[in-house]
């Protein structure tokens, strides 16, 4: 008996599903364009419905549309027959998914959706199905094989439906000029949301938490000011609060290693005059990338305005502390 090749079987599933996706991509036509425009022009909600495996895909697509700024939810077709159709209004668009186009739970609610006045979009693999005939707009999949070795379990068809829905969602979001800042409004939790919300201004040290001396101050005062905070740096400014440079604990260690008489040196001769500077409105994740992945890696940097006036200081550890990572 021939040994069963597990890896070969796994790759075969991938290959069959990839081939189905290629066929769907090649068959995107005016119907796809009409569906995108209908959803983009919708004044209400986008409601996905499907039974069984397509129902799971419907839930995922509703979540994707919502996260990209299009109000959406998933309606279970069986529950819809027992009152949940009350969640559908005439301003809505209902996207019904059934590969056969004849799922009983779906076909039973089609006439009610039409009577409510909502637009109906059907997604199926059967152009002669009840679903496609009753739909205002539709997308019919080209013929492809299910990846299941018995050709029974929804595999290629659910993958194709998911990809088609993602294509519609992303295209709609791009047409609406949906931005990263918009995306962040719907994703406040986790590193992703935080990286899109927090700015340098939200996390920088200001007031007593910041270390500042003037260029005329003594070296001894600069050291004292550095020790007062946990920044490991002192911002050095002129009389008008313009940044002249910074003095860091690294600068101090290097001068001590040179065995020079640091207390008789002018502060201006020791400071780093062209430090990495950060703007207040920059996203914190961008600032972190500049600080720890740039040509000059630093753990703290001054924050200045467009006129080079000092506003505060930003520590990389304070960015990481709120959950932002690269």
Protein backbone atom coordinates (compact mmCIF):
# COMPACT_ATOMS: atom_id res chain seq x y z
CA UNK A 1 0.00 0.00 0.00
CA UNK A 2 1.37 3.39 -1.01
CA UNK A 3 2.40 5.57 1.93
CA UNK A 4 0.03 8.50 2.49
CA UNK A 5 1.88 11.77 1.73
CA UNK A 6 0.49 14.30 4.21
CA UNK A 7 2.47 17.26 2.90
CA UNK A 8 1.47 16.51 -0.68
CA UNK A 9 -2.21 16.42 0.30
CA UNK A 10 -1.90 19.69 2.18
CA UNK A 11 -0.24 21.38 -0.80
CA UNK A 12 -2.94 20.03 -3.08
CA UNK A 13 -5.62 21.80 -1.03
CA UNK A 14 -3.64 25.06 -1.29
CA UNK A 15 -3.19 24.66 -5.04
CA UNK A 16 -6.88 23.99 -5.67
CA UNK A 17 -7.97 26.99 -3.59
CA UNK A 18 -5.35 29.25 -5.18
CA UNK A 19 -6.62 28.21 -8.61
CA UNK A 20 -10.19 29.07 -7.56
CA UNK A 21 -9.07 32.53 -6.42
CA UNK A 22 -7.33 33.13 -9.74
CA UNK A 23 -10.50 32.25 -11.61
CA UNK A 24 -12.61 34.60 -9.49
CA UNK A 25 -10.10 37.42 -9.90
CA UNK A 26 -10.09 36.98 -13.67
CA UNK A 27 -13.90 37.06 -13.70
CA UNK A 28 -14.39 40.35 -11.86
CA UNK A 29 -16.62 42.36 -14.15
CA UNK A 30 -19.20 45.14 -14.27
CA UNK A 31 -21.25 43.28 -11.69
CA UNK A 32 -18.44 43.69 -9.18
CA UNK A 33 -18.27 47.39 -10.02
CA UNK A 34 -22.04 47.80 -9.59
CA UNK A 35 -21.94 46.04 -6.21
CA UNK A 36 -19.14 48.31 -4.96
CA UNK A 37 -21.01 51.44 -6.08
CA UNK A 38 -24.27 50.21 -4.50
CA UNK A 39 -22.56 49.59 -1.16
CA UNK A 40 -20.70 52.90 -1.28
CA UNK A 41 -23.94 54.77 -1.98
CA UNK A 42 -25.86 52.97 0.79
CA UNK A 43 -27.41 55.40 3.31
CA UNK A 44 -28.11 52.63 5.82
CA UNK A 45 -26.26 49.48 6.85
CA UNK A 46 -24.69 46.61 4.95
CA UNK A 47 -26.22 43.37 6.22
CA UNK A 48 -24.59 40.03 5.46
CA UNK A 49 -26.47 36.76 5.73
CA UNK A 50 -25.60 33.16 5.03
CA UNK A 51 -26.29 29.70 6.42
CA UNK A 52 -23.72 27.18 7.58
CA UNK A 53 -20.16 27.82 6.40
CA UNK A 54 -21.20 30.87 4.32
CA UNK A 55 -22.73 32.21 7.54
CA UNK A 56 -19.31 32.15 9.19
CA UNK A 57 -17.88 34.01 6.20
CA UNK A 58 -20.75 36.51 6.47
CA UNK A 59 -19.77 37.25 10.09
CA UNK A 60 -16.16 37.88 9.10
CA UNK A 61 -17.11 40.14 6.20
CA UNK A 62 -19.48 42.18 8.36
CA UNK A 63 -16.63 42.70 10.83
CA UNK A 64 -14.24 43.72 8.03
CA UNK A 65 -16.68 46.24 6.55
CA UNK A 66 -17.36 47.73 10.00
CA UNK A 67 -13.66 48.06 10.77
CA UNK A 68 -13.16 49.91 7.47
CA UNK A 69 -15.85 52.45 8.21
CA UNK A 70 -18.95 50.91 6.63
CA UNK A 71 -21.70 50.19 9.22
CA UNK A 72 -22.40 46.49 8.93
CA UNK A 73 -23.63 43.41 10.79
CA UNK A 74 -24.43 39.76 10.19
CA UNK A 75 -28.03 38.53 10.17
CA UNK A 76 -28.67 34.84 10.82
CA UNK A 77 -31.24 33.77 8.20
CA UNK A 78 -33.07 31.38 10.55
CA UNK A 79 -33.37 34.01 13.28
CA UNK A 80 -34.45 36.48 10.60
CA UNK A 81 -37.60 34.37 10.09
CA UNK A 82 -38.47 34.82 13.76
CA UNK A 83 -38.30 38.59 14.10
CA UNK A 84 -34.72 39.63 13.33
CA UNK A 85 -35.85 40.95 9.94
CA UNK A 86 -36.97 43.92 12.01
CA UNK A 87 -33.33 45.00 11.98
CA UNK A 88 -33.51 45.53 8.21
CA UNK A 89 -34.71 48.86 6.83
CA UNK A 90 -35.34 50.15 3.32
CA UNK A 91 -32.10 52.17 3.42
CA UNK A 92 -30.05 49.00 3.89
CA UNK A 93 -28.26 46.67 1.49
CA UNK A 94 -28.52 42.95 2.21
CA UNK A 95 -25.75 40.70 0.88
CA UNK A 96 -27.00 37.11 0.81
CA UNK A 97 -24.42 34.34 0.38
CA UNK A 98 -25.31 30.84 -0.80
CA UNK A 99 -23.07 28.87 -3.15
CA UNK A 100 -25.98 26.76 -4.35
CA UNK A 101 -28.30 29.74 -4.26
CA UNK A 102 -31.01 27.44 -2.91
CA UNK A 103 -30.35 27.31 0.83
CA UNK A 104 -33.84 27.12 2.28
CA UNK A 105 -33.12 29.51 5.16
CA UNK A 106 -31.97 32.12 2.61
CA UNK A 107 -34.67 31.70 -0.02
CA UNK A 108 -37.41 31.99 2.62
CA UNK A 109 -36.46 35.56 3.53
CA UNK A 110 -35.81 36.97 0.06
CA UNK A 111 -39.37 38.18 -0.59
CA UNK A 112 -39.55 39.80 2.85
CA UNK A 113 -36.30 41.67 2.25
CA UNK A 114 -37.71 42.99 -1.04
CA UNK A 115 -41.00 44.00 0.61
CA UNK A 116 -39.06 45.92 3.27
CA UNK A 117 -37.43 47.81 0.42
CA UNK A 118 -33.78 46.94 1.06
CA UNK A 119 -31.51 46.31 -1.90
CA UNK A 120 -30.58 42.64 -2.29
CA UNK A 121 -27.17 41.49 -3.52
CA UNK A 122 -26.78 37.77 -4.16
CA UNK A 123 -23.46 35.91 -4.16
CA UNK A 124 -23.64 32.37 -5.52
CA UNK A 125 -22.08 29.76 -7.75
CA UNK A 126 -25.35 29.03 -9.52
CA UNK A 127 -26.55 31.63 -12.03
CA UNK A 128 -29.94 29.89 -12.36
CA UNK A 129 -30.59 29.80 -8.62
CA UNK A 130 -33.49 31.38 -6.76
CA UNK A 131 -31.09 33.73 -4.98
CA UNK A 132 -29.64 35.14 -8.19
CA UNK A 133 -33.05 35.47 -9.86
CA UNK A 134 -34.46 37.43 -6.91
CA UNK A 135 -31.44 39.70 -6.40
CA UNK A 136 -31.18 43.31 -7.55
CA UNK A 137 -27.47 42.82 -8.13
CA UNK A 138 -25.44 39.64 -8.10
CA UNK A 139 -22.06 38.03 -8.48
CA UNK A 140 -21.85 34.49 -9.79
CA UNK A 141 -18.65 32.55 -9.28
CA UNK A 142 -16.98 30.83 -12.23
CA UNK A 143 -16.75 27.05 -12.03
CA UNK A 144 -14.03 25.67 -9.78
CA UNK A 145 -13.44 22.60 -7.64
CA UNK A 146 -13.92 22.37 -3.91
CA UNK A 147 -10.60 21.51 -2.28
CA UNK A 148 -12.24 18.77 -0.22
CA UNK A 149 -11.10 15.37 -1.60
CA UNK A 150 -14.76 14.30 -1.76
CA UNK A 151 -15.71 17.62 -3.42
CA UNK A 152 -18.35 18.09 -0.72
CA UNK A 153 -17.20 20.33 2.13
CA UNK A 154 -17.29 24.07 1.35
CA UNK A 155 -13.59 24.90 0.98
CA UNK A 156 -12.70 26.68 -2.26
CA UNK A 157 -16.14 28.30 -2.32
CA UNK A 158 -15.84 29.80 1.17
CA UNK A 159 -12.28 30.97 0.47
CA UNK A 160 -13.42 32.61 -2.76
CA UNK A 161 -16.36 34.28 -1.00
CA UNK A 162 -14.08 35.63 1.71
CA UNK A 163 -11.64 37.04 -0.85
CA UNK A 164 -14.46 38.55 -2.91
CA UNK A 165 -15.90 40.23 0.18
CA UNK A 166 -12.49 41.53 1.19
CA UNK A 167 -12.01 42.94 -2.31
CA UNK A 168 -15.33 44.78 -2.08
CA UNK A 169 -14.60 46.08 1.44
CA UNK A 170 -11.11 47.35 0.67
CA UNK A 171 -12.17 48.91 -2.63
CA UNK A 172 -15.05 50.72 -0.90
CA UNK A 173 -12.74 51.99 1.84
CA UNK A 174 -10.26 53.31 -0.70
CA UNK A 175 -13.01 55.06 -2.67
CA UNK A 176 -14.14 56.76 0.55
CA UNK A 177 -10.53 57.85 1.25
CA UNK A 178 -10.65 55.96 4.57
CA UNK A 179 -7.40 56.79 6.42
CA UNK A 180 -5.20 55.21 9.09
CA UNK A 181 -6.53 57.77 11.55
CA UNK A 182 -10.09 56.72 10.66
CA UNK A 183 -9.09 53.08 11.13
CA UNK A 184 -7.65 53.89 14.55
CA UNK A 185 -11.01 55.25 15.73
CA UNK A 186 -12.47 51.74 15.41
CA UNK A 187 -9.41 49.92 16.84
CA UNK A 188 -8.55 51.59 20.16
CA UNK A 189 -7.29 48.39 21.79
CA UNK A 190 -4.03 46.57 21.19
CA UNK A 191 -0.72 47.63 19.70
CA UNK A 192 -2.25 48.32 16.28
CA UNK A 193 -4.82 50.79 17.57
CA UNK A 194 -2.40 52.46 19.93
CA UNK A 195 0.20 52.92 17.19
CA UNK A 196 -2.38 54.78 15.12
CA UNK A 197 -3.74 56.94 17.94
CA UNK A 198 -0.90 58.07 20.18
CA UNK A 199 1.11 61.08 19.04
CA UNK A 200 4.36 62.44 20.39
CA UNK A 201 2.37 65.19 22.09
CA UNK A 202 0.43 62.58 24.07
CA UNK A 203 3.55 60.98 25.55
CA UNK A 204 6.26 63.63 25.74
CA UNK A 205 7.65 64.93 29.05
CA UNK A 206 6.83 68.59 29.71
CA UNK A 207 7.06 71.07 32.56
CA UNK A 208 8.82 69.69 35.63
CA UNK A 209 9.19 66.31 33.96
CA UNK A 210 11.45 67.85 31.33
CA UNK A 211 15.10 68.79 31.86
CA UNK A 212 16.16 72.23 30.59
CA UNK A 213 19.14 74.54 31.04
CA UNK A 214 20.28 77.57 29.07
CA UNK A 215 23.46 77.61 27.07
CA UNK A 216 24.91 80.15 29.56
CA UNK A 217 24.38 77.82 32.55
CA UNK A 218 27.26 76.00 34.18
CA UNK A 219 28.22 72.44 33.50
CA UNK A 220 27.50 71.66 37.14
CA UNK A 221 23.93 72.92 36.80
CA UNK A 222 23.45 70.80 33.70
CA UNK A 223 24.49 67.67 35.60
CA UNK A 224 22.21 68.59 38.50
CA UNK A 225 19.28 69.12 36.13
CA UNK A 226 19.98 65.79 34.41
CA UNK A 227 19.91 63.98 37.76
CA UNK A 228 16.59 65.64 38.68
CA UNK A 229 14.61 63.65 36.09
CA UNK A 230 14.84 60.16 34.61
CA UNK A 231 15.33 61.34 31.02
CA UNK A 232 19.08 60.82 30.94
CA UNK A 233 19.32 64.07 28.98
CA UNK A 234 19.21 67.84 29.36
CA UNK A 235 17.79 70.12 26.69
CA UNK A 236 19.97 73.18 26.17
CA UNK A 237 18.18 76.31 24.96
CA UNK A 238 18.94 79.96 24.29
CA UNK A 239 17.20 82.87 25.99
CA UNK A 240 14.25 82.59 23.58
CA UNK A 241 13.77 78.86 24.24
CA UNK A 242 15.22 77.80 20.88
CA UNK A 243 16.95 74.43 21.08
CA UNK A 244 20.73 74.81 20.91
CA UNK A 245 21.54 71.17 21.59
CA UNK A 246 21.30 68.39 24.15
CA UNK A 247 23.60 67.07 26.85
CA UNK A 248 23.19 63.37 27.62
CA UNK A 249 24.53 60.94 30.18
CA UNK A 250 26.41 59.37 27.28
CA UNK A 251 28.15 62.69 26.59
CA UNK A 252 29.12 62.85 30.27
CA UNK A 253 30.57 59.32 30.29
CA UNK A 254 32.60 59.99 27.16
CA UNK A 255 34.11 63.18 28.61
CA UNK A 256 34.95 61.43 31.85
CA UNK A 257 36.65 58.66 29.88
CA UNK A 258 38.77 61.32 28.15
CA UNK A 259 39.89 62.50 31.62
CA UNK A 260 39.32 66.15 30.80
CA UNK A 261 38.54 68.83 33.36
CA UNK A 262 34.85 68.96 32.58
CA UNK A 263 34.05 71.53 35.28
CA UNK A 264 36.17 74.12 33.51
CA UNK A 265 34.57 73.52 30.12
CA UNK A 266 31.85 75.60 28.57
CA UNK A 267 28.54 73.77 28.22
CA UNK A 268 28.35 74.80 24.57
CA UNK A 269 31.58 72.89 23.89
CA UNK A 270 30.20 69.61 25.23
CA UNK A 271 26.64 69.43 23.95
CA UNK A 272 25.40 67.61 20.86
CA UNK A 273 24.37 70.51 18.64
CA UNK A 274 22.51 68.60 15.94
CA UNK A 275 20.46 65.99 17.80
CA UNK A 276 17.57 63.98 16.42
CA UNK A 277 14.53 66.23 16.85
CA UNK A 278 10.89 65.19 16.88
CA UNK A 279 7.70 67.07 16.11
CA UNK A 280 4.71 67.09 18.47
CA UNK A 281 2.15 65.95 15.89
CA UNK A 282 4.19 62.93 14.74
CA UNK A 283 2.70 59.51 15.52
CA UNK A 284 4.48 57.97 18.48
CA UNK A 285 5.18 54.79 16.50
CA UNK A 286 6.94 56.85 13.80
CA UNK A 287 8.99 58.62 16.46
CA UNK A 288 9.97 55.25 17.98
CA UNK A 289 11.04 53.99 14.58
CA UNK A 290 13.18 57.10 14.04
CA UNK A 291 14.76 56.78 17.49
CA UNK A 292 15.65 53.10 17.57
CA UNK A 293 15.91 52.16 13.90
CA UNK A 294 17.44 55.33 12.46
CA UNK A 295 21.10 55.92 11.63
CA UNK A 296 21.64 57.41 15.10
CA UNK A 297 19.96 55.25 17.71
CA UNK A 298 18.79 57.22 20.74
CA UNK A 299 16.61 56.49 23.75
CA UNK A 300 15.40 60.07 24.24
CA UNK A 301 14.95 63.06 21.95
CA UNK A 302 13.86 66.72 22.21
CA UNK A 303 10.46 67.75 20.83
CA UNK A 304 10.44 71.08 18.97
CA UNK A 305 7.99 73.15 16.93
CA UNK A 306 8.44 74.44 13.40
CA UNK A 307 10.57 77.33 14.72
CA UNK A 308 12.89 75.01 16.67
CA UNK A 309 11.42 76.10 20.01
CA UNK A 310 11.57 73.43 22.68
CA UNK A 311 8.24 71.82 23.62
CA UNK A 312 9.35 68.78 25.59
CA UNK A 313 11.27 65.52 25.48
CA UNK A 314 10.26 62.02 24.41
CA UNK A 315 11.64 58.76 25.81
CA UNK A 316 11.46 55.55 23.80
CA UNK A 317 10.56 53.65 26.99
CA UNK A 318 7.46 55.83 27.44
CA UNK A 319 6.26 54.83 23.97
CA UNK A 320 6.86 51.16 24.62
CA UNK A 321 5.23 51.42 28.04
CA UNK A 322 1.82 52.18 26.51
CA UNK A 323 1.99 49.06 24.36
CA UNK A 324 3.40 50.38 21.08
CA UNK A 325 5.92 48.06 19.44
CA UNK A 326 7.52 47.93 16.02
